[in-house]
Amino acid sequence: MSGKLQLRDGEHWLEDRPVPLNAAIELRLSAGRWLRCQYRWNGDAKTLPVFSVVLGGDWEQRLLSEAGALHSAPEAILRAELEDAEFRWPDSN
């Protein structure tokens, strides 16, 4: 199931569930593909949330064995117009 992020009572909601800070959600791309990303928002209703994606590369071989490596991994930050974007919760796997 997928839907829109909606702002209700100072929180974003997806499919009748509040979206907590740093939650993993999926953003629909073209051709029906989905991109798992991390939800970030500063709580200001005048701003849009952003979505981060961990980038791959040589760092993975160097750092993945270290504790907390993903927290310092290189990332891309995406911004989407919420009225045009479609999201879903990831499958629990």
N, C-alpha and C. Protein backbone atom coordinates (compact mmCIF):
# COMPACT_ATOMS: atom_id res chain seq x y z
N MET A 1 0.84 -1.16 0.00
CA MET A 1 0.00 0.00 0.00
C MET A 1 0.89 1.24 0.00
N SER A 2 0.50 2.29 -0.66
CA SER A 2 1.29 3.51 -0.71
C SER A 2 0.36 4.71 -0.56
N GLY A 3 0.98 5.87 -0.32
CA GLY A 3 0.17 7.06 -0.15
C GLY A 3 1.02 8.30 -0.06
N LYS A 4 0.40 9.37 0.36
CA LYS A 4 1.04 10.66 0.50
C LYS A 4 1.42 10.90 1.96
N LEU A 5 2.50 11.66 2.16
CA LEU A 5 2.80 12.15 3.50
C LEU A 5 1.84 13.30 3.77
N GLN A 6 1.21 13.28 4.92
CA GLN A 6 0.26 14.33 5.27
C GLN A 6 0.65 14.92 6.61
N LEU A 7 0.58 16.22 6.71
CA LEU A 7 0.88 16.91 7.96
C LEU A 7 -0.38 17.00 8.80
N ARG A 8 -0.33 16.39 10.00
CA ARG A 8 -1.46 16.41 10.94
C ARG A 8 -0.92 16.70 12.33
N ASP A 9 -1.47 17.71 12.95
CA ASP A 9 -1.10 18.04 14.34
C ASP A 9 0.41 18.10 14.55
N GLY A 10 1.11 18.71 13.60
CA GLY A 10 2.55 18.91 13.75
C GLY A 10 3.40 17.70 13.45
N GLU A 11 2.81 16.66 12.86
CA GLU A 11 3.56 15.45 12.50
C GLU A 11 3.19 15.04 11.08
N HIS A 12 4.13 14.39 10.41
CA HIS A 12 3.78 13.80 9.12
C HIS A 12 3.25 12.39 9.37
N TRP A 13 2.26 12.05 8.57
CA TRP A 13 1.63 10.73 8.67
C TRP A 13 1.69 10.05 7.31
N LEU A 14 1.80 8.74 7.34
CA LEU A 14 1.77 7.92 6.14
C LEU A 14 0.91 6.70 6.44
N GLU A 15 -0.11 6.50 5.64
CA GLU A 15 -1.00 5.35 5.82
C GLU A 15 -1.51 5.24 7.25
N ASP A 16 -1.98 6.36 7.80
CA ASP A 16 -2.56 6.39 9.15
C ASP A 16 -1.58 6.03 10.26
N ARG A 17 -0.29 6.21 10.01
CA ARG A 17 0.74 6.02 11.04
C ARG A 17 1.62 7.25 11.05
N PRO A 18 1.98 7.76 12.24
CA PRO A 18 2.92 8.88 12.29
C PRO A 18 4.29 8.43 11.81
N VAL A 19 5.00 9.33 11.15
CA VAL A 19 6.34 9.03 10.63
C VAL A 19 7.35 9.61 11.61
N PRO A 20 8.04 8.77 12.38
CA PRO A 20 9.01 9.30 13.33
C PRO A 20 10.28 9.78 12.62
N LEU A 21 10.98 10.69 13.26
CA LEU A 21 12.24 11.20 12.74
C LEU A 21 13.19 10.03 12.48
N ASN A 22 13.86 10.07 11.35
CA ASN A 22 14.82 9.05 10.91
C ASN A 22 14.18 7.72 10.50
N ALA A 23 12.87 7.71 10.32
CA ALA A 23 12.20 6.47 9.90
C ALA A 23 12.63 6.10 8.49
N ALA A 24 12.72 4.81 8.24
CA ALA A 24 12.95 4.32 6.88
C ALA A 24 11.60 4.24 6.18
N ILE A 25 11.49 4.96 5.06
CA ILE A 25 10.30 4.87 4.21
C ILE A 25 10.79 4.75 2.77
N GLU A 26 9.88 4.42 1.88
CA GLU A 26 10.26 4.27 0.47
C GLU A 26 9.55 5.32 -0.37
N LEU A 27 10.31 5.88 -1.30
CA LEU A 27 9.84 6.90 -2.22
C LEU A 27 9.69 6.26 -3.59
N ARG A 28 8.54 6.46 -4.23
CA ARG A 28 8.30 5.87 -5.54
C ARG A 28 9.02 6.67 -6.62
N LEU A 29 9.76 5.96 -7.46
CA LEU A 29 10.46 6.54 -8.60
C LEU A 29 9.73 6.18 -9.87
N SER A 30 10.26 6.59 -11.00
CA SER A 30 9.64 6.25 -12.28
C SER A 30 9.68 4.74 -12.51
N ALA A 31 8.83 4.29 -13.39
CA ALA A 31 8.73 2.88 -13.78
C ALA A 31 8.41 1.96 -12.60
N GLY A 32 7.75 2.50 -11.57
CA GLY A 32 7.32 1.66 -10.46
C GLY A 32 8.41 1.21 -9.52
N ARG A 33 9.58 1.81 -9.60
CA ARG A 33 10.68 1.44 -8.69
C ARG A 33 10.54 2.20 -7.39
N TRP A 34 11.08 1.65 -6.32
CA TRP A 34 11.01 2.25 -5.00
C TRP A 34 12.43 2.44 -4.46
N LEU A 35 12.64 3.57 -3.77
CA LEU A 35 13.93 3.89 -3.18
C LEU A 35 13.75 4.02 -1.67
N ARG A 36 14.47 3.20 -0.92
CA ARG A 36 14.39 3.30 0.53
C ARG A 36 15.24 4.49 0.97
N CYS A 37 14.66 5.32 1.81
CA CYS A 37 15.37 6.50 2.28
C CYS A 37 15.01 6.76 3.74
N GLN A 38 15.73 7.68 4.34
CA GLN A 38 15.51 8.03 5.74
C GLN A 38 14.82 9.39 5.79
N TYR A 39 13.73 9.46 6.53
CA TYR A 39 12.93 10.67 6.67
C TYR A 39 13.58 11.60 7.69
N ARG A 40 13.73 12.87 7.31
CA ARG A 40 14.26 13.88 8.22
C ARG A 40 13.42 15.14 8.09
N TRP A 41 13.13 15.74 9.22
CA TRP A 41 12.35 16.97 9.23
C TRP A 41 12.65 17.74 10.49
N ASN A 42 12.70 19.06 10.39
CA ASN A 42 13.02 19.88 11.56
C ASN A 42 11.79 20.26 12.39
N GLY A 43 10.62 19.83 11.99
CA GLY A 43 9.40 20.09 12.75
C GLY A 43 8.73 21.41 12.43
N ASP A 44 9.32 22.20 11.53
CA ASP A 44 8.74 23.49 11.15
C ASP A 44 7.75 23.27 10.01
N ALA A 45 6.48 23.58 10.25
CA ALA A 45 5.43 23.35 9.25
C ALA A 45 5.66 24.13 7.96
N LYS A 46 6.52 25.15 8.01
CA LYS A 46 6.81 25.95 6.81
C LYS A 46 7.89 25.33 5.94
N THR A 47 8.51 24.27 6.41
CA THR A 47 9.57 23.61 5.64
C THR A 47 9.14 22.20 5.25
N LEU A 48 9.73 21.71 4.17
CA LEU A 48 9.48 20.34 3.73
C LEU A 48 10.48 19.39 4.37
N PRO A 49 10.09 18.15 4.58
CA PRO A 49 11.07 17.18 5.04
C PRO A 49 12.05 16.88 3.91
N VAL A 50 13.17 16.30 4.27
CA VAL A 50 14.13 15.81 3.29
C VAL A 50 14.31 14.31 3.52
N PHE A 51 14.92 13.66 2.55
CA PHE A 51 15.08 12.21 2.60
C PHE A 51 16.53 11.90 2.25
N SER A 52 17.19 11.12 3.09
CA SER A 52 18.59 10.81 2.84
C SER A 52 18.74 9.38 2.34
N VAL A 53 19.74 9.20 1.50
CA VAL A 53 20.07 7.89 0.92
C VAL A 53 21.55 7.68 1.10
N VAL A 54 21.95 6.54 1.64
CA VAL A 54 23.36 6.23 1.81
C VAL A 54 23.95 5.88 0.45
N LEU A 55 25.06 6.51 0.12
CA LEU A 55 25.74 6.25 -1.14
C LEU A 55 26.69 5.06 -1.00
N GLY A 56 26.89 4.36 -2.09
CA GLY A 56 27.84 3.26 -2.11
C GLY A 56 29.20 3.74 -2.57
N GLY A 57 30.18 2.86 -2.48
CA GLY A 57 31.51 3.22 -2.96
C GLY A 57 32.61 2.54 -2.16
N ASP A 58 33.82 3.01 -2.38
CA ASP A 58 34.99 2.42 -1.73
C ASP A 58 34.92 2.46 -0.21
N TRP A 59 34.27 3.47 0.33
CA TRP A 59 34.18 3.60 1.78
C TRP A 59 33.58 2.35 2.41
N GLU A 60 32.70 1.64 1.68
CA GLU A 60 32.03 0.47 2.25
C GLU A 60 33.04 -0.59 2.68
N GLN A 61 34.05 -0.81 1.88
CA GLN A 61 35.06 -1.81 2.22
C GLN A 61 35.90 -1.37 3.41
N ARG A 62 36.11 -0.07 3.52
CA ARG A 62 36.94 0.45 4.61
C ARG A 62 36.18 0.54 5.92
N LEU A 63 34.92 0.92 5.88
CA LEU A 63 34.23 1.33 7.09
C LEU A 63 33.13 0.41 7.60
N LEU A 64 32.62 -0.48 6.78
CA LEU A 64 31.47 -1.26 7.24
C LEU A 64 31.77 -2.15 8.44
N SER A 65 33.02 -2.47 8.65
CA SER A 65 33.36 -3.30 9.81
C SER A 65 33.40 -2.48 11.10
N GLU A 66 33.39 -1.15 10.99
CA GLU A 66 33.43 -0.29 12.17
C GLU A 66 32.04 -0.08 12.74
N ALA A 67 31.97 -0.01 14.06
CA ALA A 67 30.68 0.25 14.71
C ALA A 67 30.17 1.62 14.31
N GLY A 68 28.89 1.72 13.98
CA GLY A 68 28.28 2.99 13.62
C GLY A 68 28.68 3.52 12.25
N ALA A 69 29.19 2.66 11.39
CA ALA A 69 29.69 3.10 10.09
C ALA A 69 28.62 3.78 9.25
N LEU A 70 27.40 3.28 9.29
CA LEU A 70 26.35 3.86 8.46
C LEU A 70 25.99 5.28 8.89
N HIS A 71 26.24 5.62 10.16
CA HIS A 71 25.93 6.98 10.62
C HIS A 71 26.90 8.00 10.05
N SER A 72 28.07 7.57 9.65
CA SER A 72 29.05 8.50 9.08
C SER A 72 29.24 8.26 7.58
N ALA A 73 28.40 7.45 6.98
CA ALA A 73 28.51 7.13 5.56
C ALA A 73 28.15 8.34 4.70
N PRO A 74 28.74 8.43 3.51
CA PRO A 74 28.33 9.51 2.60
C PRO A 74 26.88 9.32 2.19
N GLU A 75 26.20 10.43 2.03
CA GLU A 75 24.77 10.35 1.71
C GLU A 75 24.38 11.41 0.70
N ALA A 76 23.26 11.16 0.06
CA ALA A 76 22.62 12.14 -0.82
C ALA A 76 21.35 12.57 -0.12
N ILE A 77 21.02 13.85 -0.22
CA ILE A 77 19.81 14.38 0.38
C ILE A 77 18.83 14.74 -0.72
N LEU A 78 17.61 14.23 -0.62
CA LEU A 78 16.57 14.48 -1.62
C LEU A 78 15.47 15.34 -1.01
N ARG A 79 14.90 16.18 -1.81
CA ARG A 79 13.72 16.94 -1.41
C ARG A 79 12.65 16.64 -2.44
N ALA A 80 11.45 16.43 -1.99
CA ALA A 80 10.34 16.12 -2.89
C ALA A 80 9.16 17.02 -2.57
N GLU A 81 8.45 17.43 -3.60
CA GLU A 81 7.19 18.14 -3.38
C GLU A 81 6.18 17.10 -2.91
N LEU A 82 5.70 17.25 -1.69
CA LEU A 82 4.89 16.20 -1.08
C LEU A 82 3.60 15.91 -1.83
N GLU A 83 3.03 16.92 -2.47
CA GLU A 83 1.78 16.66 -3.20
C GLU A 83 2.01 15.80 -4.44
N ASP A 84 3.25 15.75 -4.93
CA ASP A 84 3.56 14.95 -6.11
C ASP A 84 4.21 13.61 -5.78
N ALA A 85 4.67 13.45 -4.55
CA ALA A 85 5.44 12.25 -4.18
C ALA A 85 4.53 11.18 -3.58
N GLU A 86 4.93 9.94 -3.81
CA GLU A 86 4.20 8.80 -3.26
C GLU A 86 5.18 7.99 -2.41
N PHE A 87 4.74 7.60 -1.22
CA PHE A 87 5.58 6.89 -0.27
C PHE A 87 4.90 5.62 0.19
N ARG A 88 5.68 4.75 0.80
CA ARG A 88 5.13 3.57 1.47
C ARG A 88 6.10 3.16 2.56
N TRP A 89 5.59 2.36 3.48
CA TRP A 89 6.44 1.76 4.51
C TRP A 89 7.17 0.58 3.89
N PRO A 90 8.43 0.37 4.20
CA PRO A 90 9.15 -0.78 3.65
C PRO A 90 8.57 -2.10 4.17
N ASP A 91 8.75 -3.14 3.40
CA ASP A 91 8.40 -4.47 3.88
C ASP A 91 9.29 -4.79 5.06
N SER A 92 8.75 -5.47 6.04
CA SER A 92 9.57 -5.84 7.20
C SER A 92 10.36 -7.11 6.89
N ASN A 93 11.55 -6.90 6.31
CA ASN A 93 12.42 -8.05 6.03
C ASN A 93 13.82 -7.77 6.43
